[in-house]
Amino acid sequence: MKYPNRFKKGSTPWNKQRRISKKCLYCNKTFQERESLSQKRKFCSRKCVFSYQKGKKNNGNGGRVEGKCFVCKKTFTHWRHERDRKACSKKCKYTLMSKALSGKKNHNWKGGVSPRPLNSKRYRDWRDGVFKRDNYVCVNCGYSDGRILNAHHKKDWSSYPKLRYDIDNGETLCVSCHKKTDSFGKKT
């Protein structure tokens, strides 16, 4: 059997070589090294190698810089490549985003007026009044058990703004009957 170069006759195997004590360049610990590698190793572990290289590249701070949070005004450290970072945590980040995208800055801004306030108290009261007047029964088919009911405006919401909250302008319809009306889904 032919031996590779490292197992030449007369050379000592790596596990029987004499050990040399050296000092780590990063943490100053002493470590043992084989005689054949004495010219190569300068650090006791890979962790010390990476820490030393980071510190050398980034002036000893490991690539981190200090910043000030725009929301809570605390100072925090962040990575140098995150130059545009303005918040110290996710909570502050989302607070900042909600402020940045509210009001006129939002892409859905319509001048501050909701086109149809369906969640207003006045609209809910009108809807409940229509349902109570019709005893929670569809006026077209007379069915009420298990179906979802809608309060329908007889005269359009957009065409007759004075009649929007008039109970006499509303009628109770189930979803299938409501879809059959002429004004269902009308975009005005």
C-alpha atoms as a PDB file:
ATOM      1  CA  MET A   1       0.000   0.000   0.000  1.00  0.00           C
ATOM      2  CA  LYS A   2       1.335   3.399  -0.989  1.00  0.00           C
ATOM      3  CA  TYR A   3       1.234   6.131   1.710  1.00  0.00           C
ATOM      4  CA  PRO A   4       0.414   9.764   0.995  1.00  0.00           C
ATOM      5  CA  ASN A   5       3.120  12.381   1.572  1.00  0.00           C
ATOM      6  CA  ARG A   6       2.074  13.155   5.133  1.00  0.00           C
ATOM      7  CA  PHE A   7       2.738   9.574   6.212  1.00  0.00           C
ATOM      8  CA  LYS A   8       6.292   9.369   4.952  1.00  0.00           C
ATOM      9  CA  LYS A   9       8.619   7.013   6.719  1.00  0.00           C
ATOM     10  CA  GLY A  10      10.594   8.790   9.389  1.00  0.00           C
ATOM     11  CA  SER A  11       8.084  11.660   9.992  1.00  0.00           C
ATOM     12  CA  THR A  12       6.070  11.724  13.178  1.00  0.00           C
ATOM     13  CA  PRO A  13       2.304  11.432  12.882  1.00  0.00           C
ATOM     14  CA  TRP A  14       0.227  14.479  13.823  1.00  0.00           C
ATOM     15  CA  ASN A  15      -1.052  13.011  17.076  1.00  0.00           C
ATOM     16  CA  LYS A  16       2.463  12.387  18.365  1.00  0.00           C
ATOM     17  CA  GLN A  17       4.001  15.707  17.435  1.00  0.00           C
ATOM     18  CA  ARG A  18       5.377  17.975  20.094  1.00  0.00           C
ATOM     19  CA  ARG A  19       3.014  20.732  21.367  1.00  0.00           C
ATOM     20  CA  ILE A  20       3.856  24.430  21.544  1.00  0.00           C
ATOM     21  CA  SER A  21       2.118  26.986  23.805  1.00  0.00           C
ATOM     22  CA  LYS A  22       0.882  30.196  22.114  1.00  0.00           C
ATOM     23  CA  LYS A  23      -1.195  33.231  23.111  1.00  0.00           C
ATOM     24  CA  CYS A  24      -4.454  34.073  21.312  1.00  0.00           C
ATOM     25  CA  LEU A  25      -4.359  37.481  19.586  1.00  0.00           C
ATOM     26  CA  TYR A  26      -7.961  38.239  20.576  1.00  0.00           C
ATOM     27  CA  CYS A  27      -8.568  36.924  24.106  1.00  0.00           C
ATOM     28  CA  ASN A  28      -4.936  36.431  25.286  1.00  0.00           C
ATOM     29  CA  LYS A  29      -5.608  32.856  26.442  1.00  0.00           C
ATOM     30  CA  THR A  30      -2.790  30.345  26.065  1.00  0.00           C
ATOM     31  CA  PHE A  31      -3.492  27.377  23.848  1.00  0.00           C
ATOM     32  CA  GLN A  32      -1.557  24.325  22.687  1.00  0.00           C
ATOM     33  CA  GLU A  33      -0.657  23.795  19.056  1.00  0.00           C
ATOM     34  CA  ARG A  34       1.144  21.087  17.118  1.00  0.00           C
ATOM     35  CA  GLU A  35       4.665  21.831  16.036  1.00  0.00           C
ATOM     36  CA  SER A  36       3.922  21.501  12.325  1.00  0.00           C
ATOM     37  CA  LEU A  37       1.179  24.158  12.487  1.00  0.00           C
ATOM     38  CA  SER A  38       3.025  26.616  14.690  1.00  0.00           C
ATOM     39  CA  GLN A  39       3.362  29.155  11.876  1.00  0.00           C
ATOM     40  CA  LYS A  40      -0.345  29.162  10.974  1.00  0.00           C
ATOM     41  CA  ARG A  41      -2.575  29.452  14.062  1.00  0.00           C
ATOM     42  CA  LYS A  42      -2.853  32.778  15.868  1.00  0.00           C
ATOM     43  CA  PHE A  43      -6.181  32.281  17.678  1.00  0.00           C
ATOM     44  CA  CYS A  44      -7.444  29.725  20.175  1.00  0.00           C
ATOM     45  CA  SER A  45     -10.846  29.189  18.461  1.00  0.00           C
ATOM     46  CA  ARG A  46     -12.899  30.143  15.412  1.00  0.00           C
ATOM     47  CA  LYS A  47     -15.013  32.396  17.606  1.00  0.00           C
ATOM     48  CA  CYS A  48     -11.932  34.494  18.413  1.00  0.00           C
ATOM     49  CA  VAL A  49     -11.001  34.624  14.701  1.00  0.00           C
ATOM     50  CA  PHE A  50     -14.432  35.990  13.701  1.00  0.00           C
ATOM     51  CA  SER A  51     -14.574  38.414  16.623  1.00  0.00           C
ATOM     52  CA  TYR A  52     -11.124  39.736  15.771  1.00  0.00           C
ATOM     53  CA  GLN A  53     -12.011  40.179  12.094  1.00  0.00           C
ATOM     54  CA  LYS A  54     -15.287  41.950  12.904  1.00  0.00           C
ATOM     55  CA  GLY A  55     -13.549  44.317  15.270  1.00  0.00           C
ATOM     56  CA  LYS A  56     -10.814  45.035  12.764  1.00  0.00           C
ATOM     57  CA  LYS A  57     -13.253  45.826   9.957  1.00  0.00           C
ATOM     58  CA  ASN A  58     -15.623  47.915  12.043  1.00  0.00           C
ATOM     59  CA  ASN A  59     -13.280  49.720  14.427  1.00  0.00           C
ATOM     60  CA  GLY A  60     -13.992  47.412  17.332  1.00  0.00           C
ATOM     61  CA  ASN A  61     -17.768  47.822  17.637  1.00  0.00           C
ATOM     62  CA  GLY A  62     -18.730  44.716  15.661  1.00  0.00           C
ATOM     63  CA  GLY A  63     -20.611  46.612  12.922  1.00  0.00           C
ATOM     64  CA  ARG A  64     -23.127  48.169  15.294  1.00  0.00           C
ATOM     65  CA  VAL A  65     -23.981  51.842  15.608  1.00  0.00           C
ATOM     66  CA  GLU A  66     -26.202  53.801  17.982  1.00  0.00           C
ATOM     67  CA  GLY A  67     -29.442  55.395  16.964  1.00  0.00           C
ATOM     68  CA  LYS A  68     -32.342  57.227  18.592  1.00  0.00           C
ATOM     69  CA  CYS A  69     -35.908  55.923  18.364  1.00  0.00           C
ATOM     70  CA  PHE A  70     -38.297  58.428  16.726  1.00  0.00           C
ATOM     71  CA  VAL A  71     -41.250  57.187  18.818  1.00  0.00           C
ATOM     72  CA  CYS A  72     -40.035  56.598  22.400  1.00  0.00           C
ATOM     73  CA  LYS A  73     -36.786  58.633  22.145  1.00  0.00           C
ATOM     74  CA  LYS A  74     -34.631  55.803  23.582  1.00  0.00           C
ATOM     75  CA  THR A  75     -31.114  55.198  22.278  1.00  0.00           C
ATOM     76  CA  PHE A  76     -30.548  51.756  20.791  1.00  0.00           C
ATOM     77  CA  THR A  77     -27.861  49.933  18.813  1.00  0.00           C
ATOM     78  CA  HIS A  78     -28.441  48.518  15.358  1.00  0.00           C
ATOM     79  CA  TRP A  79     -26.370  47.086  12.522  1.00  0.00           C
ATOM     80  CA  ARG A  80     -24.532  49.565  10.351  1.00  0.00           C
ATOM     81  CA  HIS A  81     -26.233  48.309   7.173  1.00  0.00           C
ATOM     82  CA  GLU A  82     -29.631  49.322   8.660  1.00  0.00           C
ATOM     83  CA  ARG A  83     -28.949  53.016   8.070  1.00  0.00           C
ATOM     84  CA  ASP A  84     -32.605  53.927   7.651  1.00  0.00           C
ATOM     85  CA  ARG A  85     -33.764  52.301  10.887  1.00  0.00           C
ATOM     86  CA  LYS A  86     -35.808  54.758  12.944  1.00  0.00           C
ATOM     87  CA  ALA A  87     -37.428  52.562  15.611  1.00  0.00           C
ATOM     88  CA  CYS A  88     -36.014  50.504  18.467  1.00  0.00           C
ATOM     89  CA  SER A  89     -38.615  47.689  18.419  1.00  0.00           C
ATOM     90  CA  LYS A  90     -41.470  46.261  16.354  1.00  0.00           C
ATOM     91  CA  LYS A  91     -44.015  48.058  18.511  1.00  0.00           C
ATOM     92  CA  CYS A  92     -42.360  51.428  17.843  1.00  0.00           C
ATOM     93  CA  LYS A  93     -41.931  50.525  14.157  1.00  0.00           C
ATOM     94  CA  TYR A  94     -45.655  49.844  13.707  1.00  0.00           C
ATOM     95  CA  THR A  95     -46.559  52.998  15.627  1.00  0.00           C
ATOM     96  CA  LEU A  96     -44.315  54.984  13.304  1.00  0.00           C
ATOM     97  CA  MET A  97     -45.813  53.303  10.224  1.00  0.00           C
ATOM     98  CA  SER A  98     -49.386  54.031  11.331  1.00  0.00           C
ATOM     99  CA  LYS A  99     -48.511  57.706  11.827  1.00  0.00           C
ATOM    100  CA  ALA A 100     -46.801  57.832   8.435  1.00  0.00           C
ATOM    101  CA  LEU A 101     -49.778  56.296   6.611  1.00  0.00           C
ATOM    102  CA  SER A 102     -52.657  58.070   8.300  1.00  0.00           C
ATOM    103  CA  GLY A 103     -54.841  60.860   7.005  1.00  0.00           C
ATOM    104  CA  LYS A 104     -53.879  62.553   3.737  1.00  0.00           C
ATOM    105  CA  LYS A 105     -50.742  60.411   3.389  1.00  0.00           C
ATOM    106  CA  ASN A 106     -52.803  57.238   2.935  1.00  0.00           C
ATOM    107  CA  HIS A 107     -53.505  56.046  -0.610  1.00  0.00           C
ATOM    108  CA  ASN A 108     -57.200  55.494   0.244  1.00  0.00           C
ATOM    109  CA  TRP A 109     -57.763  59.056   1.467  1.00  0.00           C
ATOM    110  CA  LYS A 110     -61.040  60.494   0.182  1.00  0.00           C
ATOM    111  CA  GLY A 111     -60.938  63.994   1.637  1.00  0.00           C
ATOM    112  CA  GLY A 112     -61.845  63.027   5.193  1.00  0.00           C
ATOM    113  CA  VAL A 113     -65.474  62.135   4.461  1.00  0.00           C
ATOM    114  CA  SER A 114     -66.698  58.560   4.395  1.00  0.00           C
ATOM    115  CA  PRO A 115     -68.890  57.979   1.312  1.00  0.00           C
ATOM    116  CA  ARG A 116     -71.352  55.776   3.267  1.00  0.00           C
ATOM    117  CA  PRO A 117     -71.079  55.546   7.059  1.00  0.00           C
ATOM    118  CA  LEU A 118     -72.575  52.061   7.567  1.00  0.00           C
ATOM    119  CA  ASN A 119     -71.029  51.721  10.996  1.00  0.00           C
ATOM    120  CA  SER A 120     -72.488  54.925  12.394  1.00  0.00           C
ATOM    121  CA  LYS A 121     -75.000  54.779  15.247  1.00  0.00           C
ATOM    122  CA  ARG A 122     -77.596  56.614  13.184  1.00  0.00           C
ATOM    123  CA  TYR A 123     -77.450  54.005  10.392  1.00  0.00           C
ATOM    124  CA  ARG A 124     -77.621  51.077  12.864  1.00  0.00           C
ATOM    125  CA  ASP A 125     -80.663  52.627  14.532  1.00  0.00           C
ATOM    126  CA  TRP A 126     -82.369  53.050  11.117  1.00  0.00           C
ATOM    127  CA  ARG A 127     -81.588  49.428  10.228  1.00  0.00           C
ATOM    128  CA  ASP A 128     -82.921  48.097  13.545  1.00  0.00           C
ATOM    129  CA  GLY A 129     -86.065  50.237  13.144  1.00  0.00           C
ATOM    130  CA  VAL A 130     -86.741  48.763   9.676  1.00  0.00           C
ATOM    131  CA  PHE A 131     -86.270  45.201  10.967  1.00  0.00           C
ATOM    132  CA  LYS A 132     -88.581  45.753  13.972  1.00  0.00           C
ATOM    133  CA  ARG A 133     -91.271  47.348  11.803  1.00  0.00           C
ATOM    134  CA  ASP A 134     -91.245  44.303   9.454  1.00  0.00           C
ATOM    135  CA  ASN A 135     -90.963  41.771  12.354  1.00  0.00           C
ATOM    136  CA  TYR A 136     -87.631  40.436  10.990  1.00  0.00           C
ATOM    137  CA  VAL A 137     -89.378  38.861   7.979  1.00  0.00           C
ATOM    138  CA  CYS A 138     -88.520  39.374   4.289  1.00  0.00           C
ATOM    139  CA  VAL A 139     -91.288  41.505   2.705  1.00  0.00           C
ATOM    140  CA  ASN A 140     -90.912  39.797  -0.723  1.00  0.00           C
ATOM    141  CA  CYS A 141     -90.894  36.081   0.089  1.00  0.00           C
ATOM    142  CA  GLY A 142     -91.977  36.111   3.745  1.00  0.00           C
ATOM    143  CA  TYR A 143     -89.105  33.884   4.841  1.00  0.00           C
ATOM    144  CA  SER A 144     -87.211  34.578   8.048  1.00  0.00           C
ATOM    145  CA  ASP A 145     -85.819  31.351   9.537  1.00  0.00           C
ATOM    146  CA  GLY A 146     -82.064  30.991   9.080  1.00  0.00           C
ATOM    147  CA  ARG A 147     -81.597  33.534   6.325  1.00  0.00           C
ATOM    148  CA  ILE A 148     -79.517  36.689   6.599  1.00  0.00           C
ATOM    149  CA  LEU A 149     -81.634  39.816   6.355  1.00  0.00           C
ATOM    150  CA  ASN A 150     -80.697  43.156   4.781  1.00  0.00           C
ATOM    151  CA  ALA A 151     -82.266  46.559   5.209  1.00  0.00           C
ATOM    152  CA  HIS A 152     -82.915  47.877   1.691  1.00  0.00           C
ATOM    153  CA  HIS A 153     -83.443  51.522   0.721  1.00  0.00           C
ATOM    154  CA  LYS A 154     -86.468  51.863  -1.567  1.00  0.00           C
ATOM    155  CA  LYS A 155     -85.087  55.150  -2.892  1.00  0.00           C
ATOM    156  CA  ASP A 156     -81.295  55.238  -3.470  1.00  0.00           C
ATOM    157  CA  TRP A 157     -78.855  56.258  -0.770  1.00  0.00           C
ATOM    158  CA  SER A 158     -76.964  58.593  -3.133  1.00  0.00           C
ATOM    159  CA  SER A 159     -79.921  60.074  -5.000  1.00  0.00           C
ATOM    160  CA  TYR A 160     -82.041  60.891  -1.934  1.00  0.00           C
ATOM    161  CA  PRO A 161     -79.781  62.016   0.938  1.00  0.00           C
ATOM    162  CA  LYS A 162     -82.730  63.406   2.936  1.00  0.00           C
ATOM    163  CA  LEU A 163     -84.434  59.980   2.986  1.00  0.00           C
ATOM    164  CA  ARG A 164     -81.340  58.002   4.052  1.00  0.00           C
ATOM    165  CA  TYR A 165     -82.426  57.552   7.660  1.00  0.00           C
ATOM    166  CA  ASP A 166     -86.201  57.600   7.115  1.00  0.00           C
ATOM    167  CA  ILE A 167     -87.661  54.279   8.305  1.00  0.00           C
ATOM    168  CA  ASP A 168     -90.469  54.498   5.708  1.00  0.00           C
ATOM    169  CA  ASN A 169     -87.788  54.460   2.959  1.00  0.00           C
ATOM    170  CA  GLY A 170     -86.508  51.047   4.118  1.00  0.00           C
ATOM    171  CA  GLU A 171     -87.732  47.480   3.779  1.00  0.00           C
ATOM    172  CA  THR A 172     -86.472  44.140   5.118  1.00  0.00           C
ATOM    173  CA  LEU A 173     -85.259  41.708   2.447  1.00  0.00           C
ATOM    174  CA  CYS A 174     -83.406  38.407   2.554  1.00  0.00           C
ATOM    175  CA  VAL A 175     -80.100  38.291   0.646  1.00  0.00           C
ATOM    176  CA  SER A 176     -81.530  36.499  -2.418  1.00  0.00           C
ATOM    177  CA  CYS A 177     -84.431  38.971  -2.723  1.00  0.00           C
ATOM    178  CA  HIS A 178     -82.088  41.916  -2.130  1.00  0.00           C
ATOM    179  CA  LYS A 179     -79.878  40.791  -5.037  1.00  0.00           C
ATOM    180  CA  LYS A 180     -82.898  40.875  -7.372  1.00  0.00           C
ATOM    181  CA  THR A 181     -83.526  44.592  -6.768  1.00  0.00           C
ATOM    182  CA  ASP A 182     -82.487  47.127  -9.417  1.00  0.00           C
ATOM    183  CA  SER A 183     -80.268  49.169  -7.100  1.00  0.00           C
ATOM    184  CA  PHE A 184     -78.310  46.243  -5.607  1.00  0.00           C
ATOM    185  CA  GLY A 185     -74.544  46.748  -6.013  1.00  0.00           C
ATOM    186  CA  LYS A 186     -75.039  50.095  -7.742  1.00  0.00           C
ATOM    187  CA  LYS A 187     -71.857  52.169  -7.574  1.00  0.00           C
ATOM    188  CA  THR A 188     -72.862  55.815  -7.182  1.00  0.00           C
END
